[in-house]
PDB file of all heavy atoms in Angstrom:
ATOM      1  N   GLN A   1      10.537 -37.508  -2.555  1.00  0.00           N
ATOM      2  CA  GLN A   1       9.370 -36.690  -2.782  1.00  0.00           C
ATOM      3  C   GLN A   1       9.453 -35.363  -2.069  1.00  0.00           C
ATOM      4  O   GLN A   1       8.975 -34.325  -2.507  1.00  0.00           O
ATOM      5  CB  GLN A   1       8.131 -37.463  -2.374  1.00  0.00           C
ATOM      6  CG  GLN A   1       7.873 -38.670  -3.229  1.00  0.00           C
ATOM      7  CD  GLN A   1       6.478 -39.211  -3.074  1.00  0.00           C
ATOM      8  OE1 GLN A   1       5.517 -38.502  -3.384  1.00  0.00           O
ATOM      9  NE2 GLN A   1       6.370 -40.461  -2.665  1.00  0.00           N
ATOM     10  N   ALA A   2      10.111 -35.371  -0.872  1.00  0.00           N
ATOM     11  CA  ALA A   2      10.251 -34.088  -0.125  1.00  0.00           C
ATOM     12  C   ALA A   2      11.085 -33.103  -0.968  1.00  0.00           C
ATOM     13  O   ALA A   2      10.787 -31.918  -0.997  1.00  0.00           O
ATOM     14  CB  ALA A   2      10.954 -34.345   1.211  1.00  0.00           C
ATOM     15  N   LYS A   3      12.137 -33.607  -1.614  1.00  0.00           N
ATOM     16  CA  LYS A   3      12.936 -32.706  -2.450  1.00  0.00           C
ATOM     17  C   LYS A   3      12.133 -32.186  -3.599  1.00  0.00           C
ATOM     18  O   LYS A   3      12.170 -31.014  -3.958  1.00  0.00           O
ATOM     19  CB  LYS A   3      14.164 -33.411  -2.917  1.00  0.00           C
ATOM     20  CG  LYS A   3      15.179 -33.748  -1.858  1.00  0.00           C
ATOM     21  CD  LYS A   3      16.360 -34.541  -2.442  1.00  0.00           C
ATOM     22  CE  LYS A   3      17.381 -34.871  -1.275  1.00  0.00           C
ATOM     23  NZ  LYS A   3      18.465 -35.735  -1.807  1.00  0.00           N
ATOM     24  N   LYS A   4      11.368 -33.044  -4.272  1.00  0.00           N
ATOM     25  CA  LYS A   4      10.611 -32.612  -5.448  1.00  0.00           C
ATOM     26  C   LYS A   4       9.514 -31.632  -5.036  1.00  0.00           C
ATOM     27  O   LYS A   4       9.156 -30.699  -5.783  1.00  0.00           O
ATOM     28  CB  LYS A   4       9.940 -33.828  -6.111  1.00  0.00           C
ATOM     29  CG  LYS A   4      10.919 -34.763  -6.878  1.00  0.00           C
ATOM     30  CD  LYS A   4      10.171 -35.791  -7.640  1.00  0.00           C
ATOM     31  CE  LYS A   4      11.151 -36.622  -8.494  1.00  0.00           C
ATOM     32  NZ  LYS A   4      10.446 -37.676  -9.192  1.00  0.00           N
ATOM     33  N   MET A   5       8.969 -31.783  -3.850  1.00  0.00           N
ATOM     34  CA  MET A   5       7.906 -30.899  -3.403  1.00  0.00           C
ATOM     35  C   MET A   5       8.470 -29.671  -2.632  1.00  0.00           C
ATOM     36  O   MET A   5       7.657 -28.839  -2.264  1.00  0.00           O
ATOM     37  CB  MET A   5       6.968 -31.672  -2.466  1.00  0.00           C
ATOM     38  CG  MET A   5       6.255 -32.861  -3.126  1.00  0.00           C
ATOM     39  SD  MET A   5       5.563 -34.077  -1.968  1.00  0.00           S
ATOM     40  CE  MET A   5       4.207 -33.142  -1.299  1.00  0.00           C
ATOM     41  N   ALA A   6       9.769 -29.599  -2.487  1.00  0.00           N
ATOM     42  CA  ALA A   6      10.398 -28.529  -1.802  1.00  0.00           C
ATOM     43  C   ALA A   6       9.869 -28.340  -0.395  1.00  0.00           C
ATOM     44  O   ALA A   6       9.547 -27.235   0.120  1.00  0.00           O
ATOM     45  CB  ALA A   6      10.288 -27.215  -2.586  1.00  0.00           C
ATOM     46  N   ILE A   7       9.742 -29.496   0.275  1.00  0.00           N
ATOM     47  CA  ILE A   7       9.259 -29.512   1.699  1.00  0.00           C
ATOM     48  C   ILE A   7      10.346 -30.080   2.591  1.00  0.00           C
ATOM     49  O   ILE A   7      11.044 -31.015   2.155  1.00  0.00           O
ATOM     50  CB  ILE A   7       7.944 -30.364   1.767  1.00  0.00           C
ATOM     51  CG1 ILE A   7       6.827 -29.802   0.970  1.00  0.00           C
ATOM     52  CG2 ILE A   7       7.507 -30.528   3.232  1.00  0.00           C
ATOM     53  CD1 ILE A   7       5.607 -30.620   0.933  1.00  0.00           C
ATOM     54  N   ASP A   8      10.493 -29.537   3.719  1.00  0.00           N
ATOM     55  CA  ASP A   8      11.462 -30.108   4.667  1.00  0.00           C
ATOM     56  C   ASP A   8      11.125 -31.563   4.969  1.00  0.00           C
ATOM     57  O   ASP A   8       9.994 -31.952   5.267  1.00  0.00           O
ATOM     58  CB  ASP A   8      11.446 -29.310   6.016  1.00  0.00           C
ATOM     59  CG  ASP A   8      12.373 -29.833   7.007  1.00  0.00           C
ATOM     60  OD1 ASP A   8      13.578 -29.617   6.844  1.00  0.00           O
ATOM     61  OD2 ASP A   8      11.956 -30.523   7.916  1.00  0.00           O
ATOM     62  N   GLU A   9      12.167 -32.394   4.867  1.00  0.00           N
ATOM     63  CA  GLU A   9      11.971 -33.831   4.997  1.00  0.00           C
ATOM     64  C   GLU A   9      11.409 -34.234   6.310  1.00  0.00           C
ATOM     65  O   GLU A   9      10.535 -35.097   6.420  1.00  0.00           O
ATOM     66  CB  GLU A   9      13.297 -34.536   4.667  1.00  0.00           C
ATOM     67  CG  GLU A   9      13.196 -36.079   4.708  1.00  0.00           C
ATOM     68  CD  GLU A   9      14.546 -36.723   4.461  1.00  0.00           C
ATOM     69  OE1 GLU A   9      15.294 -36.238   3.584  1.00  0.00           O
ATOM     70  OE2 GLU A   9      14.842 -37.676   5.164  1.00  0.00           O
ATOM     71  N   ILE A  10      11.941 -33.667   7.414  1.00  0.00           N
ATOM     72  CA  ILE A  10      11.508 -34.069   8.751  1.00  0.00           C
ATOM     73  C   ILE A  10      10.045 -33.617   8.954  1.00  0.00           C
ATOM     74  O   ILE A  10       9.234 -34.344   9.480  1.00  0.00           O
ATOM     75  CB  ILE A  10      12.449 -33.429   9.828  1.00  0.00           C
ATOM     76  CG1 ILE A  10      13.835 -34.018   9.712  1.00  0.00           C
ATOM     77  CG2 ILE A  10      11.849 -33.595  11.208  1.00  0.00           C
ATOM     78  CD1 ILE A  10      14.820 -33.412  10.627  1.00  0.00           C
ATOM     79  N   TYR A  11       9.744 -32.428   8.434  1.00  0.00           N
ATOM     80  CA  TYR A  11       8.367 -31.954   8.568  1.00  0.00           C
ATOM     81  C   TYR A  11       7.451 -32.905   7.813  1.00  0.00           C
ATOM     82  O   TYR A  11       6.351 -33.281   8.309  1.00  0.00           O
ATOM     83  CB  TYR A  11       8.205 -30.527   7.976  1.00  0.00           C
ATOM     84  CG  TYR A  11       6.802 -30.043   7.869  1.00  0.00           C
ATOM     85  CD1 TYR A  11       6.085 -29.522   8.908  1.00  0.00           C
ATOM     86  CD2 TYR A  11       6.127 -30.193   6.600  1.00  0.00           C
ATOM     87  CE1 TYR A  11       4.796 -29.129   8.809  1.00  0.00           C
ATOM     88  CE2 TYR A  11       4.839 -29.724   6.437  1.00  0.00           C
ATOM     89  CZ  TYR A  11       4.189 -29.252   7.597  1.00  0.00           C
ATOM     90  OH  TYR A  11       2.818 -28.848   7.426  1.00  0.00           O
ATOM     91  N   LEU A  12       7.805 -33.292   6.616  1.00  0.00           N
ATOM     92  CA  LEU A  12       6.922 -34.171   5.785  1.00  0.00           C
ATOM     93  C   LEU A  12       6.745 -35.468   6.517  1.00  0.00           C
ATOM     94  O   LEU A  12       5.637 -35.990   6.583  1.00  0.00           O
ATOM     95  CB  LEU A  12       7.542 -34.353   4.381  1.00  0.00           C
ATOM     96  CG  LEU A  12       6.737 -35.271   3.446  1.00  0.00           C
ATOM     97  CD1 LEU A  12       5.384 -34.733   3.213  1.00  0.00           C
ATOM     98  CD2 LEU A  12       7.520 -35.418   2.164  1.00  0.00           C
ATOM     99  N   LYS A  13       7.809 -36.047   7.005  1.00  0.00           N
ATOM    100  CA  LYS A  13       7.704 -37.377   7.657  1.00  0.00           C
ATOM    101  C   LYS A  13       6.779 -37.278   8.911  1.00  0.00           C
ATOM    102  O   LYS A  13       5.985 -38.191   9.143  1.00  0.00           O
ATOM    103  CB  LYS A  13       9.071 -37.840   8.104  1.00  0.00           C
ATOM    104  CG  LYS A  13       9.924 -38.326   6.951  1.00  0.00           C
ATOM    105  CD  LYS A  13      11.259 -38.888   7.412  1.00  0.00           C
ATOM    106  CE  LYS A  13      12.058 -39.541   6.235  1.00  0.00           C
ATOM    107  NZ  LYS A  13      13.392 -40.060   6.741  1.00  0.00           N
ATOM    108  N   ASN A  14       6.853 -36.182   9.649  1.00  0.00           N
ATOM    109  CA  ASN A  14       6.028 -36.012  10.833  1.00  0.00           C
ATOM    110  C   ASN A  14       4.549 -35.863  10.452  1.00  0.00           C
ATOM    111  O   ASN A  14       3.630 -36.469  11.111  1.00  0.00           O
ATOM    112  CB  ASN A  14       6.460 -34.813  11.664  1.00  0.00           C
ATOM    113  CG  ASN A  14       7.771 -35.072  12.394  1.00  0.00           C
ATOM    114  OD1 ASN A  14       8.121 -36.240  12.644  1.00  0.00           O
ATOM    115  ND2 ASN A  14       8.482 -34.030  12.701  1.00  0.00           N
ATOM    116  N   ARG A  15       4.305 -35.150   9.391  1.00  0.00           N
ATOM    117  CA  ARG A  15       2.881 -34.971   8.937  1.00  0.00           C
ATOM    118  C   ARG A  15       2.287 -36.253   8.443  1.00  0.00           C
ATOM    119  O   ARG A  15       1.180 -36.668   8.735  1.00  0.00           O
ATOM    120  CB  ARG A  15       2.760 -33.906   7.813  1.00  0.00           C
ATOM    121  CG  ARG A  15       3.072 -32.496   8.227  1.00  0.00           C
ATOM    122  CD  ARG A  15       2.423 -32.073   9.525  1.00  0.00           C
ATOM    123  NE  ARG A  15       0.967 -32.187   9.496  1.00  0.00           N
ATOM    124  CZ  ARG A  15       0.208 -32.183  10.585  1.00  0.00           C
ATOM    125  NH1 ARG A  15       0.780 -32.187  11.795  1.00  0.00           N
ATOM    126  NH2 ARG A  15      -1.114 -32.291  10.457  1.00  0.00           N
ATOM    127  N   LEU A  16       3.120 -36.997   7.677  1.00  0.00           N
ATOM    128  CA  LEU A  16       2.660 -38.287   7.166  1.00  0.00           C
ATOM    129  C   LEU A  16       2.443 -39.326   8.286  1.00  0.00           C
ATOM    130  O   LEU A  16       1.512 -40.120   8.266  1.00  0.00           O
ATOM    131  CB  LEU A  16       3.633 -38.822   6.138  1.00  0.00           C
ATOM    132  CG  LEU A  16       3.808 -38.058   4.864  1.00  0.00           C
ATOM    133  CD1 LEU A  16       4.946 -38.628   4.022  1.00  0.00           C
ATOM    134  CD2 LEU A  16       2.519 -37.997   4.074  1.00  0.00           C
ATOM    135  N   LYS A  17       3.314 -39.265   9.297  1.00  0.00           N
ATOM    136  CA  LYS A  17       3.160 -40.167  10.445  1.00  0.00           C
ATOM    137  C   LYS A  17       1.868 -39.902  11.149  1.00  0.00           C
ATOM    138  O   LYS A  17       1.093 -40.881  11.481  1.00  0.00           O
ATOM    139  CB  LYS A  17       4.319 -40.016  11.412  1.00  0.00           C
ATOM    140  CG  LYS A  17       4.314 -40.870  12.651  1.00  0.00           C
ATOM    141  CD  LYS A  17       5.568 -40.687  13.454  1.00  0.00           C
ATOM    142  CE  LYS A  17       5.601 -41.644  14.655  1.00  0.00           C
ATOM    143  NZ  LYS A  17       4.564 -41.299  15.693  1.00  0.00           N
ATOM    144  N   TYR A  18       1.539 -38.608  11.333  1.00  0.00           N
ATOM    145  CA  TYR A  18       0.248 -38.249  11.950  1.00  0.00           C
ATOM    146  C   TYR A  18      -0.969 -38.758  11.083  1.00  0.00           C
ATOM    147  O   TYR A  18      -1.881 -39.346  11.634  1.00  0.00           O
ATOM    148  CB  TYR A  18       0.181 -36.744  12.090  1.00  0.00           C
ATOM    149  CG  TYR A  18      -1.246 -36.269  12.428  1.00  0.00           C
ATOM    150  CD1 TYR A  18      -1.777 -36.404  13.760  1.00  0.00           C
ATOM    151  CD2 TYR A  18      -2.040 -35.668  11.434  1.00  0.00           C
ATOM    152  CE1 TYR A  18      -3.042 -35.974  14.002  1.00  0.00           C
ATOM    153  CE2 TYR A  18      -3.308 -35.262  11.725  1.00  0.00           C
ATOM    154  CZ  TYR A  18      -3.820 -35.390  13.030  1.00  0.00           C
ATOM    155  OH  TYR A  18      -5.117 -34.978  13.335  1.00  0.00           O
ATOM    156  N   CYS A  19      -0.830 -38.585   9.734  1.00  0.00           N
ATOM    157  CA  CYS A  19      -1.923 -39.006   8.893  1.00  0.00           C
ATOM    158  C   CYS A  19      -2.129 -40.518   8.939  1.00  0.00           C
ATOM    159  O   CYS A  19      -3.239 -41.044   8.995  1.00  0.00           O
ATOM    160  CB  CYS A  19      -1.666 -38.614   7.468  1.00  0.00           C
ATOM    161  SG  CYS A  19      -1.716 -36.828   7.174  1.00  0.00           S
ATOM    162  N   ARG A  20      -1.002 -41.249   8.973  1.00  0.00           N
ATOM    163  CA  ARG A  20      -1.122 -42.710   9.007  1.00  0.00           C
ATOM    164  C   ARG A  20      -1.778 -43.149  10.304  1.00  0.00           C
ATOM    165  O   ARG A  20      -2.579 -44.107  10.331  1.00  0.00           O
ATOM    166  CB  ARG A  20       0.226 -43.377   8.863  1.00  0.00           C
ATOM    167  CG  ARG A  20       0.848 -43.210   7.440  1.00  0.00           C
ATOM    168  CD  ARG A  20       2.065 -44.145   7.284  1.00  0.00           C
ATOM    169  NE  ARG A  20       3.119 -43.939   8.260  1.00  0.00           N
ATOM    170  CZ  ARG A  20       4.154 -43.110   8.102  1.00  0.00           C
ATOM    171  NH1 ARG A  20       4.273 -42.397   6.963  1.00  0.00           N
ATOM    172  NH2 ARG A  20       5.063 -42.964   9.080  1.00  0.00           N
ATOM    173  N   GLU A  21      -1.469 -42.489  11.392  1.00  0.00           N
ATOM    174  CA  GLU A  21      -2.122 -42.859  12.682  1.00  0.00           C
ATOM    175  C   GLU A  21      -3.588 -42.603  12.651  1.00  0.00           C
ATOM    176  O   GLU A  21      -4.381 -43.406  13.163  1.00  0.00           O
ATOM    177  CB  GLU A  21      -1.463 -42.016  13.802  1.00  0.00           C
ATOM    178  CG  GLU A  21       0.004 -42.471  14.071  1.00  0.00           C
ATOM    179  CD  GLU A  21       0.700 -41.523  15.053  1.00  0.00           C
ATOM    180  OE1 GLU A  21       0.163 -40.474  15.339  1.00  0.00           O
ATOM    181  OE2 GLU A  21       1.865 -41.869  15.465  1.00  0.00           O
ATOM    182  N   VAL A  22      -4.034 -41.484  12.003  1.00  0.00           N
ATOM    183  CA  VAL A  22      -5.443 -41.225  11.869  1.00  0.00           C
ATOM    184  C   VAL A  22      -6.115 -42.271  11.062  1.00  0.00           C
ATOM    185  O   VAL A  22      -7.213 -42.799  11.443  1.00  0.00           O
ATOM    186  CB  VAL A  22      -5.654 -39.840  11.217  1.00  0.00           C
ATOM    187  CG1 VAL A  22      -7.127 -39.605  10.881  1.00  0.00           C
ATOM    188  CG2 VAL A  22      -5.170 -38.714  12.208  1.00  0.00           C
ATOM    189  N   LEU A  23      -5.586 -42.624   9.943  1.00  0.00           N
ATOM    190  CA  LEU A  23      -6.179 -43.612   9.063  1.00  0.00           C
ATOM    191  C   LEU A  23      -6.150 -44.976   9.726  1.00  0.00           C
ATOM    192  O   LEU A  23      -7.158 -45.811   9.551  1.00  0.00           O
ATOM    193  CB  LEU A  23      -5.411 -43.671   7.718  1.00  0.00           C
ATOM    194  CG  LEU A  23      -5.517 -42.436   6.872  1.00  0.00           C
ATOM    195  CD1 LEU A  23      -4.709 -42.670   5.527  1.00  0.00           C
ATOM    196  CD2 LEU A  23      -6.911 -42.023   6.563  1.00  0.00           C
ATOM    197  N   PHE A  24      -5.096 -45.362  10.427  1.00  0.00           N
ATOM    198  CA  PHE A  24      -4.981 -46.610  11.064  1.00  0.00           C
ATOM    199  C   PHE A  24      -6.143 -46.763  12.151  1.00  0.00           C
ATOM    200  O   PHE A  24      -6.795 -47.795  12.268  1.00  0.00           O
ATOM    201  CB  PHE A  24      -3.625 -46.856  11.716  1.00  0.00           C
ATOM    202  CG  PHE A  24      -3.500 -48.138  12.441  1.00  0.00           C
ATOM    203  CD1 PHE A  24      -3.458 -49.328  11.776  1.00  0.00           C
ATOM    204  CD2 PHE A  24      -3.462 -48.126  13.881  1.00  0.00           C
ATOM    205  CE1 PHE A  24      -3.343 -50.562  12.496  1.00  0.00           C
ATOM    206  CE2 PHE A  24      -3.294 -49.316  14.557  1.00  0.00           C
ATOM    207  CZ  PHE A  24      -3.241 -50.579  13.898  1.00  0.00           C
ATOM    208  N   LYS A  25      -6.283 -45.684  12.935  1.00  0.00           N
ATOM    209  CA  LYS A  25      -7.330 -45.696  13.941  1.00  0.00           C
ATOM    210  C   LYS A  25      -8.693 -45.921  13.302  1.00  0.00           C
ATOM    211  O   LYS A  25      -9.520 -46.677  13.823  1.00  0.00           O
ATOM    212  CB  LYS A  25      -7.279 -44.413  14.741  1.00  0.00           C
ATOM    213  CG  LYS A  25      -8.302 -44.377  15.926  1.00  0.00           C
ATOM    214  CD  LYS A  25      -8.177 -43.122  16.672  1.00  0.00           C
ATOM    215  CE  LYS A  25      -9.131 -43.017  17.842  1.00  0.00           C
ATOM    216  NZ  LYS A  25      -9.009 -41.731  18.601  1.00  0.00           N
ATOM    217  N   HIS A  26      -8.970 -45.248  12.182  1.00  0.00           N
ATOM    218  CA  HIS A  26     -10.241 -45.426  11.495  1.00  0.00           C
ATOM    219  C   HIS A  26     -10.353 -46.916  10.958  1.00  0.00           C
ATOM    220  O   HIS A  26     -11.470 -47.504  11.017  1.00  0.00           O
ATOM    221  CB  HIS A  26     -10.367 -44.412  10.378  1.00  0.00           C
ATOM    222  CG  HIS A  26     -11.687 -44.591   9.579  1.00  0.00           C
ATOM    223  ND1 HIS A  26     -12.843 -44.162  10.014  1.00  0.00           N
ATOM    224  CD2 HIS A  26     -11.878 -45.194   8.356  1.00  0.00           C
ATOM    225  CE1 HIS A  26     -13.817 -44.512   9.177  1.00  0.00           C
ATOM    226  NE2 HIS A  26     -13.190 -45.099   8.140  1.00  0.00           N
ATOM    227  N   ARG A  27      -9.238 -47.376  10.419  1.00  0.00           N
ATOM    228  CA  ARG A  27      -9.343 -48.725   9.784  1.00  0.00           C
ATOM    229  C   ARG A  27      -9.657 -49.752  10.835  1.00  0.00           C
ATOM    230  O   ARG A  27     -10.290 -50.796  10.491  1.00  0.00           O
ATOM    231  CB  ARG A  27      -8.001 -49.056   9.142  1.00  0.00           C
ATOM    232  CG  ARG A  27      -8.042 -50.210   8.171  1.00  0.00           C
ATOM    233  CD  ARG A  27      -6.711 -50.476   7.538  1.00  0.00           C
ATOM    234  NE  ARG A  27      -5.766 -51.133   8.388  1.00  0.00           N
ATOM    235  CZ  ARG A  27      -4.514 -51.509   8.025  1.00  0.00           C
ATOM    236  NH1 ARG A  27      -4.170 -51.291   6.777  1.00  0.00           N
ATOM    237  NH2 ARG A  27      -3.749 -52.183   8.877  1.00  0.00           N
TER     238      ARG A  27
END
């Protein structure tokens, strides 16, 4: 998906990791 979205893979993984942590805390 990072390639399809033309986004740096490491950047994407870091943003998603942050998002998952936010959602997990809320859950």
